[in-house]
Every structure is written in C-alpha cells, then in structure tokens.
Amino acid sequence: MLEWLVAVAVLLLFLLLLPRMLRRDKAQPRKSGGGSGVMVGIGLAFAMVFDPKAAQAIEVIDQKNDLGDSEDGQSGEKPEV
C-alpha cells in the first residue's frame, strides 16, 4: 500500500512540475542530452519497484526456501551436499 502512495505522490509531483520544465526548455537553447536520461532512469526505477513478475518470483523463492528449511529439520538426516 505504501508503494502505491509513493508512486501516486511522485506522479502528482511530476505532473505539477511538467509545465515549468516545458517552459524552461522552450526559453533556453537545446542542449545535447537534455533530460531524457533522467526520465529513463525514473522509468527503470519504477519498473524495478512495481514489476509484478519480479515480486511473484521473490515470493516463490521465499516459499521454496521455507519448505526446504522445514524438510531438513524433520528428516533427522544430514542433508546431501
């Protein structure tokens, strides 16, 4: 829930600052590079945080680790290496 609140807050902040950034770009001559690298970085950060497949993979790995720990403790034998 907190992740969604942060995402909404960042989106609203971006929307509020967008007109100011666009006006500034028109007033100044175009520089090489611009702000596209920053936008790509922000997009990658959100992709890492909110990627549902990655979250599901982490849950599956955690479940397998939990099952593996409980099975080793119940058998009484040394686990094979």
N, C-alpha and C. Protein backbone atom coordinates (compact mmCIF):
# COMPACT_ATOMS: atom_id res chain seq x y z
N MET A 1 0.82 -1.19 0.00
CA MET A 1 0.00 0.00 0.00
C MET A 1 0.87 1.26 0.00
N LEU A 2 1.94 1.22 0.77
CA LEU A 2 2.83 2.37 0.85
C LEU A 2 3.50 2.63 -0.49
N GLU A 3 3.81 1.55 -1.23
CA GLU A 3 4.44 1.72 -2.54
C GLU A 3 3.53 2.49 -3.48
N TRP A 4 2.24 2.20 -3.44
CA TRP A 4 1.29 2.88 -4.32
C TRP A 4 1.13 4.34 -3.93
N LEU A 5 1.16 4.62 -2.64
CA LEU A 5 1.07 6.02 -2.20
C LEU A 5 2.28 6.82 -2.67
N VAL A 6 3.45 6.21 -2.59
CA VAL A 6 4.66 6.88 -3.05
C VAL A 6 4.59 7.10 -4.56
N ALA A 7 4.12 6.10 -5.29
CA ALA A 7 4.01 6.23 -6.75
C ALA A 7 3.03 7.34 -7.13
N VAL A 8 1.91 7.42 -6.44
CA VAL A 8 0.93 8.47 -6.73
C VAL A 8 1.50 9.83 -6.40
N ALA A 9 2.22 9.94 -5.29
CA ALA A 9 2.82 11.22 -4.91
C ALA A 9 3.86 11.66 -5.93
N VAL A 10 4.69 10.74 -6.39
CA VAL A 10 5.70 11.08 -7.39
C VAL A 10 5.04 11.49 -8.70
N LEU A 11 3.99 10.78 -9.09
CA LEU A 11 3.27 11.12 -10.32
C LEU A 11 2.66 12.52 -10.24
N LEU A 12 2.03 12.83 -9.13
CA LEU A 12 1.44 14.16 -8.95
C LEU A 12 2.51 15.25 -8.95
N LEU A 13 3.62 14.99 -8.30
CA LEU A 13 4.71 15.96 -8.29
C LEU A 13 5.24 16.18 -9.71
N PHE A 14 5.39 15.10 -10.45
CA PHE A 14 5.85 15.21 -11.84
C PHE A 14 4.87 16.01 -12.68
N LEU A 15 3.58 15.76 -12.51
CA LEU A 15 2.57 16.49 -13.27
C LEU A 15 2.55 17.97 -12.92
N LEU A 16 2.81 18.28 -11.67
CA LEU A 16 2.85 19.69 -11.26
C LEU A 16 4.09 20.40 -11.81
N LEU A 17 5.20 19.71 -11.91
CA LEU A 17 6.44 20.32 -12.38
C LEU A 17 6.59 20.29 -13.90
N LEU A 18 5.79 19.49 -14.59
CA LEU A 18 5.93 19.35 -16.03
C LEU A 18 5.77 20.67 -16.80
N PRO A 19 4.75 21.48 -16.53
CA PRO A 19 4.65 22.75 -17.28
C PRO A 19 5.86 23.66 -17.09
N ARG A 20 6.39 23.71 -15.90
CA ARG A 20 7.56 24.55 -15.63
C ARG A 20 8.77 24.03 -16.41
N MET A 21 8.94 22.71 -16.46
CA MET A 21 10.06 22.15 -17.21
C MET A 21 9.92 22.40 -18.70
N LEU A 22 8.71 22.32 -19.22
CA LEU A 22 8.49 22.56 -20.64
C LEU A 22 8.74 24.02 -21.00
N ARG A 23 8.30 24.96 -20.15
CA ARG A 23 8.54 26.37 -20.41
C ARG A 23 10.04 26.68 -20.38
N ARG A 24 10.74 26.09 -19.46
CA ARG A 24 12.18 26.33 -19.35
C ARG A 24 12.91 25.81 -20.59
N ASP A 25 12.48 24.65 -21.11
CA ASP A 25 13.11 24.08 -22.30
C ASP A 25 12.91 24.97 -23.52
N LYS A 26 11.74 25.62 -23.63
CA LYS A 26 11.49 26.49 -24.78
C LYS A 26 12.30 27.78 -24.68
N ALA A 27 12.54 28.26 -23.48
CA ALA A 27 13.24 29.52 -23.29
C ALA A 27 14.74 29.37 -23.55
N GLN A 28 15.31 28.22 -23.24
CA GLN A 28 16.75 28.02 -23.41
C GLN A 28 17.02 27.27 -24.71
N PRO A 29 18.15 27.51 -25.31
CA PRO A 29 18.52 26.73 -26.50
C PRO A 29 18.73 25.27 -26.11
N ARG A 30 18.45 24.40 -27.04
CA ARG A 30 18.51 22.96 -26.78
C ARG A 30 19.94 22.51 -26.55
N LYS A 31 20.17 21.84 -25.44
CA LYS A 31 21.49 21.29 -25.13
C LYS A 31 21.49 19.82 -25.52
N SER A 32 22.66 19.31 -25.79
CA SER A 32 22.74 17.88 -26.11
C SER A 32 22.50 17.08 -24.84
N GLY A 33 21.77 16.00 -24.95
CA GLY A 33 21.47 15.15 -23.80
C GLY A 33 20.11 15.44 -23.22
N GLY A 34 19.83 16.67 -22.88
CA GLY A 34 18.54 17.04 -22.32
C GLY A 34 18.25 16.29 -21.03
N GLY A 35 16.98 16.01 -20.79
CA GLY A 35 16.57 15.30 -19.59
C GLY A 35 16.09 13.90 -19.87
N SER A 36 16.34 13.40 -21.09
CA SER A 36 15.82 12.08 -21.43
C SER A 36 16.47 10.98 -20.59
N GLY A 37 17.73 11.15 -20.25
CA GLY A 37 18.41 10.15 -19.41
C GLY A 37 17.79 10.06 -18.03
N VAL A 38 17.39 11.19 -17.51
CA VAL A 38 16.73 11.22 -16.19
C VAL A 38 15.39 10.50 -16.27
N MET A 39 14.65 10.75 -17.35
CA MET A 39 13.34 10.11 -17.50
C MET A 39 13.48 8.59 -17.64
N VAL A 40 14.49 8.14 -18.36
CA VAL A 40 14.73 6.70 -18.49
C VAL A 40 15.10 6.10 -17.14
N GLY A 41 15.92 6.82 -16.38
CA GLY A 41 16.29 6.34 -15.05
C GLY A 41 15.10 6.22 -14.12
N ILE A 42 14.20 7.20 -14.16
CA ILE A 42 12.99 7.16 -13.33
C ILE A 42 12.12 5.99 -13.76
N GLY A 43 11.98 5.78 -15.08
CA GLY A 43 11.19 4.66 -15.57
C GLY A 43 11.76 3.33 -15.13
N LEU A 44 13.07 3.17 -15.18
CA LEU A 44 13.69 1.92 -14.74
C LEU A 44 13.52 1.69 -13.24
N ALA A 45 13.60 2.76 -12.47
CA ALA A 45 13.41 2.63 -11.02
C ALA A 45 11.98 2.15 -10.71
N PHE A 46 10.99 2.74 -11.38
CA PHE A 46 9.61 2.30 -11.17
C PHE A 46 9.40 0.88 -11.66
N ALA A 47 10.05 0.50 -12.74
CA ALA A 47 9.91 -0.86 -13.25
C ALA A 47 10.45 -1.87 -12.25
N MET A 48 11.56 -1.53 -11.60
CA MET A 48 12.13 -2.46 -10.62
C MET A 48 11.24 -2.57 -9.39
N VAL A 49 10.66 -1.47 -8.98
CA VAL A 49 9.85 -1.47 -7.75
C VAL A 49 8.49 -2.13 -7.97
N PHE A 50 7.84 -1.84 -9.09
CA PHE A 50 6.46 -2.26 -9.28
C PHE A 50 6.29 -3.39 -10.28
N ASP A 51 7.35 -4.15 -10.60
CA ASP A 51 7.25 -5.25 -11.54
C ASP A 51 6.57 -6.43 -10.87
N PRO A 52 5.35 -6.81 -11.31
CA PRO A 52 4.64 -7.90 -10.64
C PRO A 52 5.30 -9.26 -10.83
N LYS A 53 5.96 -9.48 -11.95
CA LYS A 53 6.62 -10.77 -12.17
C LYS A 53 7.80 -10.95 -11.22
N ALA A 54 8.54 -9.88 -10.99
CA ALA A 54 9.67 -9.96 -10.07
C ALA A 54 9.18 -10.21 -8.64
N ALA A 55 8.10 -9.54 -8.25
CA ALA A 55 7.55 -9.76 -6.91
C ALA A 55 7.06 -11.20 -6.75
N GLN A 56 6.44 -11.73 -7.80
CA GLN A 56 5.95 -13.11 -7.73
C GLN A 56 7.13 -14.08 -7.65
N ALA A 57 8.19 -13.83 -8.40
CA ALA A 57 9.37 -14.70 -8.36
C ALA A 57 10.00 -14.69 -6.97
N ILE A 58 10.06 -13.54 -6.34
CA ILE A 58 10.63 -13.45 -5.00
C ILE A 58 9.78 -14.24 -4.01
N GLU A 59 8.46 -14.17 -4.14
CA GLU A 59 7.57 -14.93 -3.25
C GLU A 59 7.77 -16.43 -3.44
N VAL A 60 7.91 -16.89 -4.68
CA VAL A 60 8.11 -18.32 -4.95
C VAL A 60 9.42 -18.78 -4.35
N ILE A 61 10.47 -17.99 -4.51
CA ILE A 61 11.77 -18.35 -3.95
C ILE A 61 11.70 -18.42 -2.43
N ASP A 62 11.02 -17.45 -1.81
CA ASP A 62 10.87 -17.48 -0.35
C ASP A 62 10.10 -18.71 0.11
N GLN A 63 9.05 -19.08 -0.61
CA GLN A 63 8.27 -20.27 -0.25
C GLN A 63 9.11 -21.53 -0.37
N LYS A 64 9.91 -21.63 -1.43
CA LYS A 64 10.77 -22.80 -1.60
C LYS A 64 11.82 -22.87 -0.50
N ASN A 65 12.35 -21.72 -0.12
CA ASN A 65 13.33 -21.71 0.97
C ASN A 65 12.69 -22.13 2.28
N ASP A 66 11.48 -21.69 2.54
CA ASP A 66 10.78 -22.08 3.76
C ASP A 66 10.50 -23.57 3.78
N LEU A 67 10.07 -24.12 2.66
CA LEU A 67 9.81 -25.55 2.58
C LEU A 67 11.09 -26.35 2.72
N GLY A 68 12.16 -25.88 2.14
CA GLY A 68 13.44 -26.57 2.23
C GLY A 68 13.97 -26.60 3.65
N ASP A 69 13.80 -25.52 4.39
CA ASP A 69 14.26 -25.47 5.77
C ASP A 69 13.47 -26.41 6.65
N SER A 70 12.17 -26.49 6.46
CA SER A 70 11.33 -27.34 7.30
C SER A 70 11.56 -28.81 6.99
N GLU A 71 11.83 -29.16 5.74
CA GLU A 71 12.07 -30.55 5.39
C GLU A 71 13.39 -31.03 5.96
N ASP A 72 14.42 -30.20 5.97
CA ASP A 72 15.71 -30.60 6.52
C ASP A 72 15.62 -30.82 8.02
N GLY A 73 14.85 -30.04 8.71
CA GLY A 73 14.73 -30.16 10.14
C GLY A 73 13.91 -31.39 10.56
N GLN A 74 13.04 -31.90 9.72
CA GLN A 74 12.18 -33.02 10.09
C GLN A 74 12.81 -34.36 9.80
N SER A 75 13.71 -34.47 8.85
CA SER A 75 14.21 -35.77 8.41
C SER A 75 15.15 -36.39 9.44
N GLY A 76 15.94 -35.61 10.14
CA GLY A 76 16.88 -36.15 11.11
C GLY A 76 18.17 -36.61 10.47
N GLU A 77 18.24 -36.60 9.16
CA GLU A 77 19.44 -36.98 8.46
C GLU A 77 20.20 -35.75 8.02
N LYS A 78 21.47 -35.93 7.75
CA LYS A 78 22.28 -34.83 7.24
C LYS A 78 21.88 -34.57 5.79
N PRO A 79 21.70 -33.32 5.41
CA PRO A 79 21.36 -33.03 4.03
C PRO A 79 22.52 -33.33 3.09
N GLU A 80 22.18 -33.79 1.89
CA GLU A 80 23.21 -34.08 0.91
C GLU A 80 23.72 -32.77 0.33
N VAL A 81 25.02 -32.75 0.15
CA VAL A 81 25.64 -31.54 -0.39
C VAL A 81 26.04 -31.73 -1.82
